[in-house]
Amino acid sequence: MGQPNTTLEANVEPTAAAVDLKLEVVGIPVSEVDRAKRFYGGLGWRLDADFAVGDAFRVVQFTP
């Protein structure tokens, strides 16, 4: 077997690859869902979903 290649170049800067990050969903708990709907609707956001899971849980989704 030969010797491992241990040649180092002193003047070579390591480069970082660009990473494409996207924020898809942000959960925002609120105490007054209808008030939050009016607020985000007033900003011009599009209402995508509004459904209740039982009496204690409701999901509302807006898209800016």
PDB file of N, CA and C in Angstrom:
ATOM      1  N   MET A   1       0.833  -1.172   0.000  1.00  0.00           N
ATOM      2  CA  MET A   1       0.000   0.000   0.000  1.00  0.00           C
ATOM      3  C   MET A   1       0.879   1.237   0.000  1.00  0.00           C
ATOM      4  N   GLY A   2       0.333   2.288  -0.637  1.00  0.00           N
ATOM      5  CA  GLY A   2       1.078   3.536  -0.690  1.00  0.00           C
ATOM      6  C   GLY A   2       0.745   4.427   0.488  1.00  0.00           C
ATOM      7  N   GLN A   3       1.408   5.540   0.550  1.00  0.00           N
ATOM      8  CA  GLN A   3       1.167   6.531   1.597  1.00  0.00           C
ATOM      9  C   GLN A   3      -0.104   7.326   1.278  1.00  0.00           C
ATOM     10  N   PRO A   4      -0.872   7.711   2.290  1.00  0.00           N
ATOM     11  CA  PRO A   4      -2.052   8.541   2.032  1.00  0.00           C
ATOM     12  C   PRO A   4      -1.630   9.925   1.550  1.00  0.00           C
ATOM     13  N   ASN A   5      -2.468  10.533   0.749  1.00  0.00           N
ATOM     14  CA  ASN A   5      -2.193  11.861   0.222  1.00  0.00           C
ATOM     15  C   ASN A   5      -2.492  12.877   1.327  1.00  0.00           C
ATOM     16  N   THR A   6      -1.471  13.509   1.863  1.00  0.00           N
ATOM     17  CA  THR A   6      -1.638  14.461   2.957  1.00  0.00           C
ATOM     18  C   THR A   6      -1.257  15.877   2.543  1.00  0.00           C
ATOM     19  N   THR A   7      -1.242  16.138   1.254  1.00  0.00           N
ATOM     20  CA  THR A   7      -0.883  17.463   0.777  1.00  0.00           C
ATOM     21  C   THR A   7      -1.987  18.453   1.135  1.00  0.00           C
ATOM     22  N   LEU A   8      -1.632  19.530   1.806  1.00  0.00           N
ATOM     23  CA  LEU A   8      -2.576  20.579   2.167  1.00  0.00           C
ATOM     24  C   LEU A   8      -2.194  21.851   1.437  1.00  0.00           C
ATOM     25  N   GLU A   9      -3.168  22.553   0.962  1.00  0.00           N
ATOM     26  CA  GLU A   9      -2.910  23.822   0.305  1.00  0.00           C
ATOM     27  C   GLU A   9      -3.221  24.915   1.313  1.00  0.00           C
ATOM     28  N   ALA A  10      -2.237  25.712   1.676  1.00  0.00           N
ATOM     29  CA  ALA A  10      -2.373  26.709   2.730  1.00  0.00           C
ATOM     30  C   ALA A  10      -3.258  27.880   2.329  1.00  0.00           C
ATOM     31  N   ASN A  11      -3.340  28.218   1.060  1.00  0.00           N
ATOM     32  CA  ASN A  11      -4.067  29.405   0.638  1.00  0.00           C
ATOM     33  C   ASN A  11      -5.472  29.118   0.114  1.00  0.00           C
ATOM     34  N   VAL A  12      -5.992  27.937   0.328  1.00  0.00           N
ATOM     35  CA  VAL A  12      -7.321  27.591  -0.184  1.00  0.00           C
ATOM     36  C   VAL A  12      -8.350  27.812   0.922  1.00  0.00           C
ATOM     37  N   GLU A  13      -9.316  28.687   0.654  1.00  0.00           N
ATOM     38  CA  GLU A  13     -10.392  28.962   1.609  1.00  0.00           C
ATOM     39  C   GLU A  13     -11.518  27.952   1.389  1.00  0.00           C
ATOM     40  N   PRO A  14     -12.042  27.382   2.452  1.00  0.00           N
ATOM     41  CA  PRO A  14     -13.197  26.492   2.264  1.00  0.00           C
ATOM     42  C   PRO A  14     -14.407  27.313   1.829  1.00  0.00           C
ATOM     43  N   THR A  15     -15.235  26.727   0.990  1.00  0.00           N
ATOM     44  CA  THR A  15     -16.421  27.431   0.514  1.00  0.00           C
ATOM     45  C   THR A  15     -17.671  26.776   1.087  1.00  0.00           C
ATOM     46  N   ALA A  16     -18.672  27.571   1.278  1.00  0.00           N
ATOM     47  CA  ALA A  16     -19.950  27.065   1.778  1.00  0.00           C
ATOM     48  C   ALA A  16     -20.939  27.026   0.623  1.00  0.00           C
ATOM     49  N   ALA A  17     -21.682  25.950   0.548  1.00  0.00           N
ATOM     50  CA  ALA A  17     -22.707  25.830  -0.485  1.00  0.00           C
ATOM     51  C   ALA A  17     -23.948  26.604  -0.044  1.00  0.00           C
ATOM     52  N   ALA A  18     -24.623  27.209  -0.982  1.00  0.00           N
ATOM     53  CA  ALA A  18     -25.864  27.920  -0.683  1.00  0.00           C
ATOM     54  C   ALA A  18     -26.970  26.912  -0.393  1.00  0.00           C
ATOM     55  N   VAL A  19     -27.746  27.193   0.622  1.00  0.00           N
ATOM     56  CA  VAL A  19     -28.860  26.328   0.992  1.00  0.00           C
ATOM     57  C   VAL A  19     -30.146  27.132   0.829  1.00  0.00           C
ATOM     58  N   ASP A  20     -31.087  26.577   0.097  1.00  0.00           N
ATOM     59  CA  ASP A  20     -32.365  27.238  -0.139  1.00  0.00           C
ATOM     60  C   ASP A  20     -33.332  26.848   0.975  1.00  0.00           C
ATOM     61  N   LEU A  21     -33.584  27.772   1.905  1.00  0.00           N
ATOM     62  CA  LEU A  21     -34.481  27.501   3.021  1.00  0.00           C
ATOM     63  C   LEU A  21     -35.819  28.185   2.781  1.00  0.00           C
ATOM     64  N   LYS A  22     -36.885  27.496   3.138  1.00  0.00           N
ATOM     65  CA  LYS A  22     -38.225  28.056   2.984  1.00  0.00           C
ATOM     66  C   LYS A  22     -39.012  27.825   4.261  1.00  0.00           C
ATOM     67  N   LEU A  23     -39.737  28.838   4.663  1.00  0.00           N
ATOM     68  CA  LEU A  23     -40.620  28.726   5.810  1.00  0.00           C
ATOM     69  C   LEU A  23     -42.008  28.393   5.280  1.00  0.00           C
ATOM     70  N   GLU A  24     -42.526  27.243   5.652  1.00  0.00           N
ATOM     71  CA  GLU A  24     -43.791  26.769   5.095  1.00  0.00           C
ATOM     72  C   GLU A  24     -44.984  27.026   6.000  1.00  0.00           C
ATOM     73  N   VAL A  25     -44.852  26.760   7.294  1.00  0.00           N
ATOM     74  CA  VAL A  25     -45.992  26.854   8.202  1.00  0.00           C
ATOM     75  C   VAL A  25     -45.528  27.445   9.532  1.00  0.00           C
ATOM     76  N   VAL A  26     -46.330  28.342  10.073  1.00  0.00           N
ATOM     77  CA  VAL A  26     -46.082  28.883  11.405  1.00  0.00           C
ATOM     78  C   VAL A  26     -47.377  28.762  12.192  1.00  0.00           C
ATOM     79  N   GLY A  27     -47.319  28.066  13.294  1.00  0.00           N
ATOM     80  CA  GLY A  27     -48.492  27.938  14.152  1.00  0.00           C
ATOM     81  C   GLY A  27     -48.548  29.097  15.137  1.00  0.00           C
ATOM     82  N   ILE A  28     -49.697  29.753  15.220  1.00  0.00           N
ATOM     83  CA  ILE A  28     -49.869  30.880  16.140  1.00  0.00           C
ATOM     84  C   ILE A  28     -51.104  30.604  16.991  1.00  0.00           C
ATOM     85  N   PRO A  29     -50.917  30.205  18.238  1.00  0.00           N
ATOM     86  CA  PRO A  29     -52.080  29.977  19.093  1.00  0.00           C
ATOM     87  C   PRO A  29     -52.750  31.306  19.447  1.00  0.00           C
ATOM     88  N   VAL A  30     -54.060  31.326  19.396  1.00  0.00           N
ATOM     89  CA  VAL A  30     -54.826  32.529  19.743  1.00  0.00           C
ATOM     90  C   VAL A  30     -55.976  32.138  20.665  1.00  0.00           C
ATOM     91  N   SER A  31     -56.442  33.100  21.432  1.00  0.00           N
ATOM     92  CA  SER A  31     -57.570  32.826  22.329  1.00  0.00           C
ATOM     93  C   SER A  31     -58.904  33.173  21.676  1.00  0.00           C
ATOM     94  N   GLU A  32     -58.891  34.059  20.676  1.00  0.00           N
ATOM     95  CA  GLU A  32     -60.115  34.453  19.975  1.00  0.00           C
ATOM     96  C   GLU A  32     -59.925  34.227  18.474  1.00  0.00           C
ATOM     97  N   VAL A  33     -60.357  33.068  18.002  1.00  0.00           N
ATOM     98  CA  VAL A  33     -60.118  32.680  16.611  1.00  0.00           C
ATOM     99  C   VAL A  33     -60.815  33.620  15.633  1.00  0.00           C
ATOM    100  N   ASP A  34     -62.054  33.972  15.896  1.00  0.00           N
ATOM    101  CA  ASP A  34     -62.777  34.847  14.963  1.00  0.00           C
ATOM    102  C   ASP A  34     -62.130  36.229  14.869  1.00  0.00           C
ATOM    103  N   ARG A  35     -61.622  36.720  15.988  1.00  0.00           N
ATOM    104  CA  ARG A  35     -60.914  38.009  15.971  1.00  0.00           C
ATOM    105  C   ARG A  35     -59.627  37.891  15.155  1.00  0.00           C
ATOM    106  N   ALA A  36     -58.900  36.793  15.320  1.00  0.00           N
ATOM    107  CA  ALA A  36     -57.677  36.574  14.545  1.00  0.00           C
ATOM    108  C   ALA A  36     -57.997  36.461  13.055  1.00  0.00           C
ATOM    109  N   LYS A  37     -59.109  35.801  12.723  1.00  0.00           N
ATOM    110  CA  LYS A  37     -59.517  35.707  11.310  1.00  0.00           C
ATOM    111  C   LYS A  37     -59.787  37.083  10.720  1.00  0.00           C
ATOM    112  N   ARG A  38     -60.468  37.936  11.474  1.00  0.00           N
ATOM    113  CA  ARG A  38     -60.728  39.302  10.987  1.00  0.00           C
ATOM    114  C   ARG A  38     -59.419  40.067  10.803  1.00  0.00           C
ATOM    115  N   PHE A  39     -58.496  39.899  11.742  1.00  0.00           N
ATOM    116  CA  PHE A  39     -57.215  40.598  11.666  1.00  0.00           C
ATOM    117  C   PHE A  39     -56.439  40.198  10.414  1.00  0.00           C
ATOM    118  N   TYR A  40     -56.224  38.894  10.217  1.00  0.00           N
ATOM    119  CA  TYR A  40     -55.434  38.439   9.066  1.00  0.00           C
ATOM    120  C   TYR A  40     -56.178  38.649   7.750  1.00  0.00           C
ATOM    121  N   GLY A  41     -57.498  38.519   7.776  1.00  0.00           N
ATOM    122  CA  GLY A  41     -58.280  38.836   6.585  1.00  0.00           C
ATOM    123  C   GLY A  41     -58.160  40.310   6.232  1.00  0.00           C
ATOM    124  N   GLY A  42     -58.120  41.173   7.254  1.00  0.00           N
ATOM    125  CA  GLY A  42     -57.955  42.605   7.041  1.00  0.00           C
ATOM    126  C   GLY A  42     -56.605  42.969   6.451  1.00  0.00           C
ATOM    127  N   LEU A  43     -55.614  42.105   6.667  1.00  0.00           N
ATOM    128  CA  LEU A  43     -54.297  42.324   6.061  1.00  0.00           C
ATOM    129  C   LEU A  43     -54.274  41.920   4.589  1.00  0.00           C
ATOM    130  N   GLY A  44     -55.376  41.314   4.144  1.00  0.00           N
ATOM    131  CA  GLY A  44     -55.440  40.870   2.753  1.00  0.00           C
ATOM    132  C   GLY A  44     -54.989  39.435   2.555  1.00  0.00           C
ATOM    133  N   TRP A  45     -54.772  38.709   3.662  1.00  0.00           N
ATOM    134  CA  TRP A  45     -54.352  37.316   3.545  1.00  0.00           C
ATOM    135  C   TRP A  45     -55.539  36.466   3.112  1.00  0.00           C
ATOM    136  N   ARG A  46     -55.248  35.402   2.359  1.00  0.00           N
ATOM    137  CA  ARG A  46     -56.283  34.502   1.838  1.00  0.00           C
ATOM    138  C   ARG A  46     -56.579  33.401   2.860  1.00  0.00           C
ATOM    139  N   LEU A  47     -57.857  33.201   3.170  1.00  0.00           N
ATOM    140  CA  LEU A  47     -58.269  32.122   4.065  1.00  0.00           C
ATOM    141  C   LEU A  47     -58.256  30.815   3.280  1.00  0.00           C
ATOM    142  N   ASP A  48     -57.433  29.857   3.723  1.00  0.00           N
ATOM    143  CA  ASP A  48     -57.303  28.568   3.038  1.00  0.00           C
ATOM    144  C   ASP A  48     -58.112  27.468   3.708  1.00  0.00           C
ATOM    145  N   ALA A  49     -58.220  27.508   5.027  1.00  0.00           N
ATOM    146  CA  ALA A  49     -58.914  26.434   5.742  1.00  0.00           C
ATOM    147  C   ALA A  49     -59.449  26.966   7.063  1.00  0.00           C
ATOM    148  N   ASP A  50     -60.564  26.404   7.473  1.00  0.00           N
ATOM    149  CA  ASP A  50     -61.146  26.714   8.779  1.00  0.00           C
ATOM    150  C   ASP A  50     -61.992  25.515   9.180  1.00  0.00           C
ATOM    151  N   PHE A  51     -61.478  24.708  10.096  1.00  0.00           N
ATOM    152  CA  PHE A  51     -62.252  23.553  10.543  1.00  0.00           C
ATOM    153  C   PHE A  51     -61.998  23.288  12.018  1.00  0.00           C
ATOM    154  N   ALA A  52     -63.036  22.777  12.662  1.00  0.00           N
ATOM    155  CA  ALA A  52     -62.969  22.463  14.086  1.00  0.00           C
ATOM    156  C   ALA A  52     -62.750  20.972  14.269  1.00  0.00           C
ATOM    157  N   VAL A  53     -61.952  20.650  15.280  1.00  0.00           N
ATOM    158  CA  VAL A  53     -61.740  19.264  15.682  1.00  0.00           C
ATOM    159  C   VAL A  53     -62.320  19.161  17.090  1.00  0.00           C
ATOM    160  N   GLY A  54     -63.586  18.793  17.153  1.00  0.00           N
ATOM    161  CA  GLY A  54     -64.262  18.790  18.446  1.00  0.00           C
ATOM    162  C   GLY A  54     -64.597  20.215  18.877  1.00  0.00           C
ATOM    163  N   ASP A  55     -64.859  20.382  20.175  1.00  0.00           N
ATOM    164  CA  ASP A  55     -65.212  21.703  20.697  1.00  0.00           C
ATOM    165  C   ASP A  55     -63.999  22.495  21.170  1.00  0.00           C
ATOM    166  N   ALA A  56     -62.871  21.827  21.386  1.00  0.00           N
ATOM    167  CA  ALA A  56     -61.736  22.490  22.019  1.00  0.00           C
ATOM    168  C   ALA A  56     -60.596  22.835  21.070  1.00  0.00           C
ATOM    169  N   PHE A  57     -60.697  22.453  19.802  1.00  0.00           N
ATOM    170  CA  PHE A  57     -59.562  22.652  18.899  1.00  0.00           C
ATOM    171  C   PHE A  57     -60.062  23.084  17.535  1.00  0.00           C
ATOM    172  N   ARG A  58     -59.462  24.131  17.000  1.00  0.00           N
ATOM    173  CA  ARG A  58     -59.867  24.656  15.693  1.00  0.00           C
ATOM    174  C   ARG A  58     -58.622  25.022  14.903  1.00  0.00           C
ATOM    175  N   VAL A  59     -58.622  24.698  13.630  1.00  0.00           N
ATOM    176  CA  VAL A  59     -57.499  25.002  12.747  1.00  0.00           C
ATOM    177  C   VAL A  59     -57.958  26.013  11.712  1.00  0.00           C
ATOM    178  N   VAL A  60     -57.214  27.104  11.603  1.00  0.00           N
ATOM    179  CA  VAL A  60     -57.468  28.129  10.599  1.00  0.00           C
ATOM    180  C   VAL A  60     -56.150  28.367   9.885  1.00  0.00           C
ATOM    181  N   GLN A  61     -56.187  28.363   8.566  1.00  0.00           N
ATOM    182  CA  GLN A  61     -54.960  28.566   7.790  1.00  0.00           C
ATOM    183  C   GLN A  61     -55.144  29.733   6.834  1.00  0.00           C
ATOM    184  N   PHE A  62     -54.188  30.659   6.875  1.00  0.00           N
ATOM    185  CA  PHE A  62     -54.151  31.806   5.969  1.00  0.00           C
ATOM    186  C   PHE A  62     -52.866  31.762   5.163  1.00  0.00           C
ATOM    187  N   THR A  63     -52.915  32.332   3.971  1.00  0.00           N
ATOM    188  CA  THR A  63     -51.719  32.507   3.147  1.00  0.00           C
ATOM    189  C   THR A  63     -51.558  33.997   2.872  1.00  0.00           C
ATOM    190  N   PRO A  64     -50.356  34.530   3.142  1.00  0.00           N
ATOM    191  CA  PRO A  64     -50.141  35.962   2.865  1.00  0.00           C
ATOM    192  C   PRO A  64     -50.245  36.282   1.393  1.00  0.00           C
TER     193      PRO A  64
END
